[in-house]
Amino acid sequence: MDYTIYSGEWPMGRIHEERGRREDQRWVWSLFGILANPPGMRTDGRAPTLEAAKAEFETNWRQWLRWAKLGEVRSRKRQAGSEAK
């Protein structure tokens, strides 16, 4: 399994399964495009389950957002028949 995580329409991370790894390191998560971060924040890691990988990703993503003084970007959905200008 392989997931791309988005903030709005921007890919911000990935969580994927590496089969054949030790059970406690089976799931890998990473944040993309982070050029600077606060001390103690991780931009990647390994977890035993998908749920644990999601939780670690979210904890570090939220920490970065607070540090960068930013918020989540919501996806803009186009209405049927409309065109981007």
C-alpha atoms as a PDB file:
ATOM      1  CA  MET A   1       0.000   0.000   0.000  1.00  0.00           C
ATOM      2  CA  ASP A   2       1.191   3.499  -0.810  1.00  0.00           C
ATOM      3  CA  TYR A   3      -0.526   6.784   0.110  1.00  0.00           C
ATOM      4  CA  THR A   4       0.216  10.383  -0.839  1.00  0.00           C
ATOM      5  CA  ILE A   5      -0.938  12.967   1.723  1.00  0.00           C
ATOM      6  CA  TYR A   6      -2.227  16.329   0.491  1.00  0.00           C
ATOM      7  CA  SER A   7      -2.767  19.734   2.049  1.00  0.00           C
ATOM      8  CA  GLY A   8      -5.324  21.200  -0.302  1.00  0.00           C
ATOM      9  CA  GLU A   9      -4.019  20.222  -3.720  1.00  0.00           C
ATOM     10  CA  TRP A  10      -0.325  20.113  -2.687  1.00  0.00           C
ATOM     11  CA  PRO A  11       1.306  16.738  -1.996  1.00  0.00           C
ATOM     12  CA  MET A  12       2.916  17.107   1.441  1.00  0.00           C
ATOM     13  CA  GLY A  13       3.897  13.573   2.363  1.00  0.00           C
ATOM     14  CA  ARG A  14       3.794   9.884   1.839  1.00  0.00           C
ATOM     15  CA  ILE A  15       3.017   6.780   3.880  1.00  0.00           C
ATOM     16  CA  HIS A  16       3.849   3.401   2.393  1.00  0.00           C
ATOM     17  CA  GLU A  17       4.305  -0.199   3.413  1.00  0.00           C
ATOM     18  CA  GLU A  18       7.619  -1.981   2.954  1.00  0.00           C
ATOM     19  CA  ARG A  19       6.945  -5.697   2.996  1.00  0.00           C
ATOM     20  CA  GLY A  20       9.803  -7.891   4.079  1.00  0.00           C
ATOM     21  CA  ARG A  21      10.862  -5.423   6.791  1.00  0.00           C
ATOM     22  CA  ARG A  22      10.755  -6.182  10.494  1.00  0.00           C
ATOM     23  CA  GLU A  23       7.185  -5.896  11.795  1.00  0.00           C
ATOM     24  CA  ASP A  24       8.064  -2.883  13.983  1.00  0.00           C
ATOM     25  CA  GLN A  25       9.385  -0.990  10.935  1.00  0.00           C
ATOM     26  CA  ARG A  26       6.936  -2.056   8.253  1.00  0.00           C
ATOM     27  CA  TRP A  27       5.325   1.357   7.575  1.00  0.00           C
ATOM     28  CA  VAL A  28       7.351   4.376   6.407  1.00  0.00           C
ATOM     29  CA  TRP A  29       6.150   7.985   6.536  1.00  0.00           C
ATOM     30  CA  SER A  30       7.764  11.180   5.256  1.00  0.00           C
ATOM     31  CA  LEU A  31       6.981  14.889   4.888  1.00  0.00           C
ATOM     32  CA  PHE A  32       7.895  16.594   1.582  1.00  0.00           C
ATOM     33  CA  GLY A  33       9.191  20.089   0.883  1.00  0.00           C
ATOM     34  CA  ILE A  34      10.121  21.051   4.430  1.00  0.00           C
ATOM     35  CA  LEU A  35      13.282  23.126   4.137  1.00  0.00           C
ATOM     36  CA  ALA A  36      13.503  24.162   7.786  1.00  0.00           C
ATOM     37  CA  ASN A  37      11.930  22.766  10.906  1.00  0.00           C
ATOM     38  CA  PRO A  38      11.945  23.242  14.668  1.00  0.00           C
ATOM     39  CA  PRO A  39      14.351  21.260  16.848  1.00  0.00           C
ATOM     40  CA  GLY A  40      12.984  17.844  17.705  1.00  0.00           C
ATOM     41  CA  MET A  41      10.632  17.622  14.735  1.00  0.00           C
ATOM     42  CA  ARG A  42      11.022  14.606  12.476  1.00  0.00           C
ATOM     43  CA  THR A  43      10.389  14.643   8.734  1.00  0.00           C
ATOM     44  CA  ASP A  44      10.350  10.854   8.368  1.00  0.00           C
ATOM     45  CA  GLY A  45      10.006   7.706  10.386  1.00  0.00           C
ATOM     46  CA  ARG A  46       8.976   4.076  10.606  1.00  0.00           C
ATOM     47  CA  ALA A  47       6.061   2.506  12.442  1.00  0.00           C
ATOM     48  CA  PRO A  48       4.645  -0.989  13.010  1.00  0.00           C
ATOM     49  CA  THR A  49       1.132  -0.206  11.711  1.00  0.00           C
ATOM     50  CA  LEU A  50      -0.573   2.123   9.255  1.00  0.00           C
ATOM     51  CA  GLU A  51      -2.449   3.759  12.147  1.00  0.00           C
ATOM     52  CA  ALA A  52       0.801   4.445  14.022  1.00  0.00           C
ATOM     53  CA  ALA A  53       2.428   5.874  10.863  1.00  0.00           C
ATOM     54  CA  LYS A  54      -0.574   8.175  10.333  1.00  0.00           C
ATOM     55  CA  ALA A  55      -0.397   9.364  13.946  1.00  0.00           C
ATOM     56  CA  GLU A  56       3.355  10.080  13.773  1.00  0.00           C
ATOM     57  CA  PHE A  57       2.931  11.884  10.447  1.00  0.00           C
ATOM     58  CA  GLU A  58       0.078  14.011  11.803  1.00  0.00           C
ATOM     59  CA  THR A  59       1.946  14.902  15.020  1.00  0.00           C
ATOM     60  CA  ASN A  60       4.982  16.150  13.097  1.00  0.00           C
ATOM     61  CA  TRP A  61       2.909  17.881  10.390  1.00  0.00           C
ATOM     62  CA  ARG A  62       0.918  19.790  13.020  1.00  0.00           C
ATOM     63  CA  GLN A  63       4.134  20.708  14.860  1.00  0.00           C
ATOM     64  CA  TRP A  64       5.580  22.127  11.631  1.00  0.00           C
ATOM     65  CA  LEU A  65       2.394  24.071  10.842  1.00  0.00           C
ATOM     66  CA  ARG A  66       2.452  25.683  14.316  1.00  0.00           C
ATOM     67  CA  TRP A  67       6.174  26.478  14.042  1.00  0.00           C
ATOM     68  CA  ALA A  68       5.767  27.945  10.528  1.00  0.00           C
ATOM     69  CA  LYS A  69       2.648  29.855  11.660  1.00  0.00           C
ATOM     70  CA  LEU A  70       0.601  28.293   8.874  1.00  0.00           C
ATOM     71  CA  GLY A  71      -2.696  26.453   8.653  1.00  0.00           C
ATOM     72  CA  GLU A  72      -4.185  23.677   6.598  1.00  0.00           C
ATOM     73  CA  VAL A  73      -5.033  24.423   2.979  1.00  0.00           C
ATOM     74  CA  ARG A  74      -8.521  23.327   1.998  1.00  0.00           C
ATOM     75  CA  SER A  75      -9.074  21.813  -1.404  1.00  0.00           C
ATOM     76  CA  ARG A  76     -10.946  24.063  -3.845  1.00  0.00           C
ATOM     77  CA  LYS A  77     -13.487  22.042  -5.789  1.00  0.00           C
ATOM     78  CA  ARG A  78     -14.568  23.323  -9.180  1.00  0.00           C
ATOM     79  CA  GLN A  79     -18.239  23.465  -9.977  1.00  0.00           C
ATOM     80  CA  ALA A  80     -19.399  21.462 -12.943  1.00  0.00           C
ATOM     81  CA  GLY A  81     -19.057  23.453 -16.146  1.00  0.00           C
ATOM     82  CA  SER A  82     -16.693  26.071 -14.660  1.00  0.00           C
ATOM     83  CA  GLU A  83     -13.202  26.685 -15.975  1.00  0.00           C
ATOM     84  CA  ALA A  84     -10.096  27.871 -14.179  1.00  0.00           C
ATOM     85  CA  LYS A  85      -9.023  31.367 -15.234  1.00  0.00           C
END
